[in-house]
Amino acid sequence: MIYCAGKIENFAFAKSIGVGLVESSINLTRSILHDKPDEIVFVGTCGSYSIKKPLLEIFESSSACNIELSFLQEQSYTPLNNFLTNVSCETMPKDSNTSIQMLTKAQKIINSSNYITTDAKLAEHFVKLGILYENMEFFSVLQVAQAFNLPAIGIFCSTNYIHKDAQKEFLANHKVAMQKLESYVKNKLDSTLGV
């Protein structure tokens, strides 16, 4: 089943689950219990921590993390597993930095938070860890999928770089990103169905 955040990111082919970590986890859980999907595909936009990555690029990911900015500034810690991927978590080292470095060799990791980063210097810290993108919902999508033992993937289009005017850049590129995502998903569905 295909999902999206909703509000300004709606698609005719996707069910909206809400914006941010909390709304998306609650509403995705409700949908899984009611709709009983076999798999989860999340479609949405993202910001890019790396200025070397082209904007309006479409890509797929099955890895996410939940790192708050205070963690990068060594002002907080978490007892929770803050990385999820198709790679088995049991085989990953417990050290977060080592886990990230191992994952980035195979996956594009999406960082999720209820807050959107606007500090370019902090974005560079994410890039050093190999985390190149930010989307508010994807970590909770993977966590809920994992709880129900469902395969999950995300399809993303980058709309902006991380800087103080990130929201303006996001809004300027959002319409094109939505069109690109819609076209990509429809082509993928057509090829899957043999149309």
C-alpha atoms as a PDB file:
ATOM      1  CA  MET A   1       0.000   0.000   0.000  1.00  0.00           C
ATOM      2  CA  ILE A   2       1.247   3.502  -0.832  1.00  0.00           C
ATOM      3  CA  TYR A   3       1.294   6.219   1.831  1.00  0.00           C
ATOM      4  CA  CYS A   4       2.190   9.905   1.987  1.00  0.00           C
ATOM      5  CA  ALA A   5       2.278  12.548   4.708  1.00  0.00           C
ATOM      6  CA  GLY A   6      -0.731  14.503   3.482  1.00  0.00           C
ATOM      7  CA  LYS A   7      -1.542  18.195   3.906  1.00  0.00           C
ATOM      8  CA  ILE A   8       0.488  19.739   1.055  1.00  0.00           C
ATOM      9  CA  GLU A   9       1.857  16.310   0.040  1.00  0.00           C
ATOM     10  CA  ASN A  10      -1.169  14.421  -1.222  1.00  0.00           C
ATOM     11  CA  PHE A  11      -1.305  11.968  -4.118  1.00  0.00           C
ATOM     12  CA  ALA A  12      -4.408  10.350  -5.617  1.00  0.00           C
ATOM     13  CA  PHE A  13      -2.704   6.941  -5.367  1.00  0.00           C
ATOM     14  CA  ALA A  14      -1.561   7.293  -1.727  1.00  0.00           C
ATOM     15  CA  LYS A  15      -3.196   7.305   1.692  1.00  0.00           C
ATOM     16  CA  SER A  16      -2.286  10.254   3.938  1.00  0.00           C
ATOM     17  CA  ILE A  17      -0.917   9.413   7.386  1.00  0.00           C
ATOM     18  CA  GLY A  18      -0.014  12.844   8.787  1.00  0.00           C
ATOM     19  CA  VAL A  19       3.017  15.049   9.233  1.00  0.00           C
ATOM     20  CA  GLY A  20       5.855  14.287  11.641  1.00  0.00           C
ATOM     21  CA  LEU A  21       6.852  11.273  13.692  1.00  0.00           C
ATOM     22  CA  VAL A  22       3.809  11.067  15.954  1.00  0.00           C
ATOM     23  CA  GLU A  23       0.898  11.589  13.520  1.00  0.00           C
ATOM     24  CA  SER A  24       2.447   9.258  10.943  1.00  0.00           C
ATOM     25  CA  SER A  25       3.050   6.444  13.444  1.00  0.00           C
ATOM     26  CA  ILE A  26      -0.483   6.635  14.872  1.00  0.00           C
ATOM     27  CA  ASN A  27      -2.241   6.805  11.508  1.00  0.00           C
ATOM     28  CA  LEU A  28      -0.039   4.204   9.812  1.00  0.00           C
ATOM     29  CA  THR A  29      -0.751   1.795  12.678  1.00  0.00           C
ATOM     30  CA  ARG A  30      -4.496   2.401  12.256  1.00  0.00           C
ATOM     31  CA  SER A  31      -4.225   1.778   8.522  1.00  0.00           C
ATOM     32  CA  ILE A  32      -2.261  -1.447   8.956  1.00  0.00           C
ATOM     33  CA  LEU A  33      -4.853  -2.763  11.408  1.00  0.00           C
ATOM     34  CA  HIS A  34      -7.751  -1.743   9.139  1.00  0.00           C
ATOM     35  CA  ASP A  35      -6.407  -2.061   5.562  1.00  0.00           C
ATOM     36  CA  LYS A  36      -4.033  -5.011   6.150  1.00  0.00           C
ATOM     37  CA  PRO A  37      -1.366  -4.078   3.541  1.00  0.00           C
ATOM     38  CA  ASP A  38       1.253  -6.614   2.411  1.00  0.00           C
ATOM     39  CA  GLU A  39       3.934  -3.939   2.106  1.00  0.00           C
ATOM     40  CA  ILE A  40       4.431  -0.226   2.720  1.00  0.00           C
ATOM     41  CA  VAL A  41       5.640   2.337   0.196  1.00  0.00           C
ATOM     42  CA  PHE A  42       6.050   5.855   1.538  1.00  0.00           C
ATOM     43  CA  VAL A  43       6.259   8.714  -0.983  1.00  0.00           C
ATOM     44  CA  GLY A  44       7.442  12.199  -0.057  1.00  0.00           C
ATOM     45  CA  THR A  45       9.843  15.079  -0.372  1.00  0.00           C
ATOM     46  CA  CYS A  46      13.032  15.603   1.581  1.00  0.00           C
ATOM     47  CA  GLY A  47      15.720  18.149   2.268  1.00  0.00           C
ATOM     48  CA  SER A  48      19.352  17.486   1.381  1.00  0.00           C
ATOM     49  CA  TYR A  49      22.111  17.944   3.938  1.00  0.00           C
ATOM     50  CA  SER A  50      24.695  17.725   1.126  1.00  0.00           C
ATOM     51  CA  ILE A  51      25.056  20.576  -1.370  1.00  0.00           C
ATOM     52  CA  LYS A  52      26.801  18.078  -3.679  1.00  0.00           C
ATOM     53  CA  LYS A  53      23.544  16.201  -4.296  1.00  0.00           C
ATOM     54  CA  PRO A  54      21.312  17.605  -7.066  1.00  0.00           C
ATOM     55  CA  LEU A  55      17.927  18.986  -6.102  1.00  0.00           C
ATOM     56  CA  LEU A  56      14.788  17.359  -7.519  1.00  0.00           C
ATOM     57  CA  GLU A  57      16.562  13.996  -7.579  1.00  0.00           C
ATOM     58  CA  ILE A  58      14.307  10.928  -7.153  1.00  0.00           C
ATOM     59  CA  PHE A  59      15.665   8.008  -5.142  1.00  0.00           C
ATOM     60  CA  GLU A  60      14.536   5.074  -3.009  1.00  0.00           C
ATOM     61  CA  SER A  61      15.596   4.214   0.512  1.00  0.00           C
ATOM     62  CA  SER A  62      14.928   1.571   3.117  1.00  0.00           C
ATOM     63  CA  SER A  63      17.044   3.087   5.905  1.00  0.00           C
ATOM     64  CA  ALA A  64      16.239   5.830   8.390  1.00  0.00           C
ATOM     65  CA  CYS A  65      17.509   7.297  11.605  1.00  0.00           C
ATOM     66  CA  ASN A  66      16.168   9.614  14.279  1.00  0.00           C
ATOM     67  CA  ILE A  67      18.971  11.981  15.263  1.00  0.00           C
ATOM     68  CA  GLU A  68      18.129  15.269  16.928  1.00  0.00           C
ATOM     69  CA  LEU A  69      20.477  18.231  16.518  1.00  0.00           C
ATOM     70  CA  SER A  70      21.342  18.182  20.222  1.00  0.00           C
ATOM     71  CA  PHE A  71      22.801  14.695  19.714  1.00  0.00           C
ATOM     72  CA  LEU A  72      25.214  16.082  17.094  1.00  0.00           C
ATOM     73  CA  GLN A  73      26.175  18.853  19.505  1.00  0.00           C
ATOM     74  CA  GLU A  74      26.870  16.260  22.232  1.00  0.00           C
ATOM     75  CA  GLN A  75      24.140  17.760  24.405  1.00  0.00           C
ATOM     76  CA  SER A  76      21.917  14.678  24.559  1.00  0.00           C
ATOM     77  CA  TYR A  77      21.861  10.904  24.272  1.00  0.00           C
ATOM     78  CA  THR A  78      19.197   8.279  23.679  1.00  0.00           C
ATOM     79  CA  PRO A  79      18.669   4.796  25.104  1.00  0.00           C
ATOM     80  CA  LEU A  80      16.617   3.958  21.994  1.00  0.00           C
ATOM     81  CA  ASN A  81      17.733   2.294  18.786  1.00  0.00           C
ATOM     82  CA  ASN A  82      17.794   5.311  16.488  1.00  0.00           C
ATOM     83  CA  PHE A  83      18.622   3.456  13.240  1.00  0.00           C
ATOM     84  CA  LEU A  84      16.345   1.238  11.153  1.00  0.00           C
ATOM     85  CA  THR A  85      17.100  -0.512   7.881  1.00  0.00           C
ATOM     86  CA  ASN A  86      16.512  -3.690   5.911  1.00  0.00           C
ATOM     87  CA  VAL A  87      19.894  -4.792   7.294  1.00  0.00           C
ATOM     88  CA  SER A  88      19.303  -6.747  10.486  1.00  0.00           C
ATOM     89  CA  CYS A  89      19.775  -4.536  13.546  1.00  0.00           C
ATOM     90  CA  GLU A  90      21.174  -7.520  15.490  1.00  0.00           C
ATOM     91  CA  THR A  91      24.224  -7.621  13.191  1.00  0.00           C
ATOM     92  CA  MET A  92      24.962  -3.913  13.625  1.00  0.00           C
ATOM     93  CA  PRO A  93      27.451  -2.670  16.221  1.00  0.00           C
ATOM     94  CA  LYS A  94      25.884  -0.889  19.206  1.00  0.00           C
ATOM     95  CA  ASP A  95      27.966   2.259  18.590  1.00  0.00           C
ATOM     96  CA  SER A  96      25.802   4.706  16.593  1.00  0.00           C
ATOM     97  CA  ASN A  97      28.651   6.222  14.554  1.00  0.00           C
ATOM     98  CA  THR A  98      29.949   2.799  13.494  1.00  0.00           C
ATOM     99  CA  SER A  99      26.426   1.689  12.549  1.00  0.00           C
ATOM    100  CA  ILE A 100      25.914   4.763  10.386  1.00  0.00           C
ATOM    101  CA  GLN A 101      29.226   4.280   8.601  1.00  0.00           C
ATOM    102  CA  MET A 102      28.406   0.645   7.825  1.00  0.00           C
ATOM    103  CA  LEU A 103      24.913   1.477   6.571  1.00  0.00           C
ATOM    104  CA  THR A 104      25.921   4.354   4.316  1.00  0.00           C
ATOM    105  CA  LYS A 105      27.978   2.033   2.167  1.00  0.00           C
ATOM    106  CA  ALA A 106      24.770   0.333   1.023  1.00  0.00           C
ATOM    107  CA  GLN A 107      21.883   2.724   1.743  1.00  0.00           C
ATOM    108  CA  LYS A 108      20.747   6.306   1.477  1.00  0.00           C
ATOM    109  CA  ILE A 109      19.782   7.075   5.062  1.00  0.00           C
ATOM    110  CA  ILE A 110      16.962   9.503   5.785  1.00  0.00           C
ATOM    111  CA  ASN A 111      17.030  11.367   9.104  1.00  0.00           C
ATOM    112  CA  SER A 112      13.644  12.064  10.666  1.00  0.00           C
ATOM    113  CA  SER A 113      12.731  14.579  13.340  1.00  0.00           C
ATOM    114  CA  ASN A 114       9.717  16.679  14.214  1.00  0.00           C
ATOM    115  CA  TYR A 115      11.935  19.674  13.471  1.00  0.00           C
ATOM    116  CA  ILE A 116      13.408  20.781  10.152  1.00  0.00           C
ATOM    117  CA  THR A 117      17.090  21.692  10.132  1.00  0.00           C
ATOM    118  CA  THR A 118      18.021  25.193   8.940  1.00  0.00           C
ATOM    119  CA  ASP A 119      21.667  25.300  10.097  1.00  0.00           C
ATOM    120  CA  ALA A 120      24.106  24.550   7.259  1.00  0.00           C
ATOM    121  CA  LYS A 121      26.965  23.852   9.693  1.00  0.00           C
ATOM    122  CA  LEU A 122      24.934  21.183  11.485  1.00  0.00           C
ATOM    123  CA  ALA A 123      23.980  19.726   8.100  1.00  0.00           C
ATOM    124  CA  GLU A 124      27.699  19.192   7.469  1.00  0.00           C
ATOM    125  CA  HIS A 125      27.808  16.972  10.597  1.00  0.00           C
ATOM    126  CA  PHE A 126      25.131  14.738   9.081  1.00  0.00           C
ATOM    127  CA  VAL A 127      27.079  14.549   5.809  1.00  0.00           C
ATOM    128  CA  LYS A 128      30.218  13.476   7.711  1.00  0.00           C
ATOM    129  CA  LEU A 129      28.165  10.626   9.178  1.00  0.00           C
ATOM    130  CA  GLY A 130      26.969   9.671   5.685  1.00  0.00           C
ATOM    131  CA  ILE A 131      23.396  10.858   6.295  1.00  0.00           C
ATOM    132  CA  LEU A 132      22.427  13.012   3.330  1.00  0.00           C
ATOM    133  CA  TYR A 133      18.657  13.588   3.572  1.00  0.00           C
ATOM    134  CA  GLU A 134      15.917  14.689   5.962  1.00  0.00           C
ATOM    135  CA  ASN A 135      12.216  13.743   5.941  1.00  0.00           C
ATOM    136  CA  MET A 136       9.930  14.149   8.945  1.00  0.00           C
ATOM    137  CA  GLU A 137       8.026  10.849   8.718  1.00  0.00           C
ATOM    138  CA  PHE A 138      10.213   8.061   7.337  1.00  0.00           C
ATOM    139  CA  PHE A 139      11.770   6.814  10.584  1.00  0.00           C
ATOM    140  CA  SER A 140       8.348   6.270  12.142  1.00  0.00           C
ATOM    141  CA  VAL A 141       7.111   4.593   8.939  1.00  0.00           C
ATOM    142  CA  LEU A 142       9.966   2.076   9.120  1.00  0.00           C
ATOM    143  CA  GLN A 143       9.503   1.572  12.845  1.00  0.00           C
ATOM    144  CA  VAL A 144       5.787   0.801  12.489  1.00  0.00           C
ATOM    145  CA  ALA A 145       6.485  -1.469   9.494  1.00  0.00           C
ATOM    146  CA  GLN A 146       9.081  -3.323  11.547  1.00  0.00           C
ATOM    147  CA  ALA A 147       6.611  -3.761  14.433  1.00  0.00           C
ATOM    148  CA  PHE A 148       4.159  -5.441  12.024  1.00  0.00           C
ATOM    149  CA  ASN A 149       6.905  -7.349  10.175  1.00  0.00           C
ATOM    150  CA  LEU A 150       6.060  -5.643   6.865  1.00  0.00           C
ATOM    151  CA  PRO A 151       8.521  -4.770   4.107  1.00  0.00           C
ATOM    152  CA  ALA A 152       8.805  -1.012   3.603  1.00  0.00           C
ATOM    153  CA  ILE A 153      10.527   1.414   1.278  1.00  0.00           C
ATOM    154  CA  GLY A 154      10.495   5.154   0.737  1.00  0.00           C
ATOM    155  CA  ILE A 155      10.495   7.043  -2.557  1.00  0.00           C
ATOM    156  CA  PHE A 156      11.779  10.596  -2.220  1.00  0.00           C
ATOM    157  CA  CYS A 157      12.463  13.762  -4.189  1.00  0.00           C
ATOM    158  CA  SER A 158      14.837  16.340  -2.719  1.00  0.00           C
ATOM    159  CA  THR A 159      13.431  19.873  -2.727  1.00  0.00           C
ATOM    160  CA  ASN A 160      15.963  21.989  -0.851  1.00  0.00           C
ATOM    161  CA  TYR A 161      19.337  22.225   0.790  1.00  0.00           C
ATOM    162  CA  ILE A 162      19.645  22.833   4.525  1.00  0.00           C
ATOM    163  CA  HIS A 163      20.212  26.531   5.231  1.00  0.00           C
ATOM    164  CA  LYS A 164      18.411  29.484   6.814  1.00  0.00           C
ATOM    165  CA  ASP A 165      16.155  29.940   3.736  1.00  0.00           C
ATOM    166  CA  ALA A 166      15.400  26.224   3.346  1.00  0.00           C
ATOM    167  CA  GLN A 167      11.639  26.728   3.643  1.00  0.00           C
ATOM    168  CA  LYS A 168      11.584  29.239   0.759  1.00  0.00           C
ATOM    169  CA  GLU A 169      13.603  26.856  -1.406  1.00  0.00           C
ATOM    170  CA  PHE A 170      11.294  23.981  -0.428  1.00  0.00           C
ATOM    171  CA  LEU A 171       8.195  25.961  -1.421  1.00  0.00           C
ATOM    172  CA  ALA A 172       9.786  27.076  -4.712  1.00  0.00           C
ATOM    173  CA  ASN A 173      10.580  23.470  -5.721  1.00  0.00           C
ATOM    174  CA  HIS A 174       7.673  21.621  -4.114  1.00  0.00           C
ATOM    175  CA  LYS A 175       5.282  21.586  -7.096  1.00  0.00           C
ATOM    176  CA  VAL A 176       7.919  20.188  -9.471  1.00  0.00           C
ATOM    177  CA  ALA A 177       8.976  17.604  -6.878  1.00  0.00           C
ATOM    178  CA  MET A 178       5.380  16.436  -6.476  1.00  0.00           C
ATOM    179  CA  GLN A 179       5.002  16.060 -10.253  1.00  0.00           C
ATOM    180  CA  LYS A 180       8.263  14.101 -10.475  1.00  0.00           C
ATOM    181  CA  LEU A 181       7.210  11.794  -7.641  1.00  0.00           C
ATOM    182  CA  GLU A 182       3.802  11.194  -9.195  1.00  0.00           C
ATOM    183  CA  SER A 183       5.358  10.363 -12.568  1.00  0.00           C
ATOM    184  CA  TYR A 184       7.986   8.076 -10.989  1.00  0.00           C
ATOM    185  CA  VAL A 185       5.449   6.108  -8.941  1.00  0.00           C
ATOM    186  CA  LYS A 186       3.018   5.767 -11.870  1.00  0.00           C
ATOM    187  CA  ASN A 187       5.826   4.482 -14.133  1.00  0.00           C
ATOM    188  CA  LYS A 188       6.907   2.049 -11.415  1.00  0.00           C
ATOM    189  CA  LEU A 189       3.332   0.814 -10.966  1.00  0.00           C
ATOM    190  CA  ASP A 190       2.868   0.435 -14.737  1.00  0.00           C
ATOM    191  CA  SER A 191       6.057  -1.600 -15.055  1.00  0.00           C
ATOM    192  CA  THR A 192       5.090  -3.766 -12.069  1.00  0.00           C
ATOM    193  CA  LEU A 193       1.661  -4.435 -13.536  1.00  0.00           C
ATOM    194  CA  GLY A 194       3.109  -4.998 -17.021  1.00  0.00           C
ATOM    195  CA  VAL A 195       1.156  -2.108 -18.563  1.00  0.00           C
END
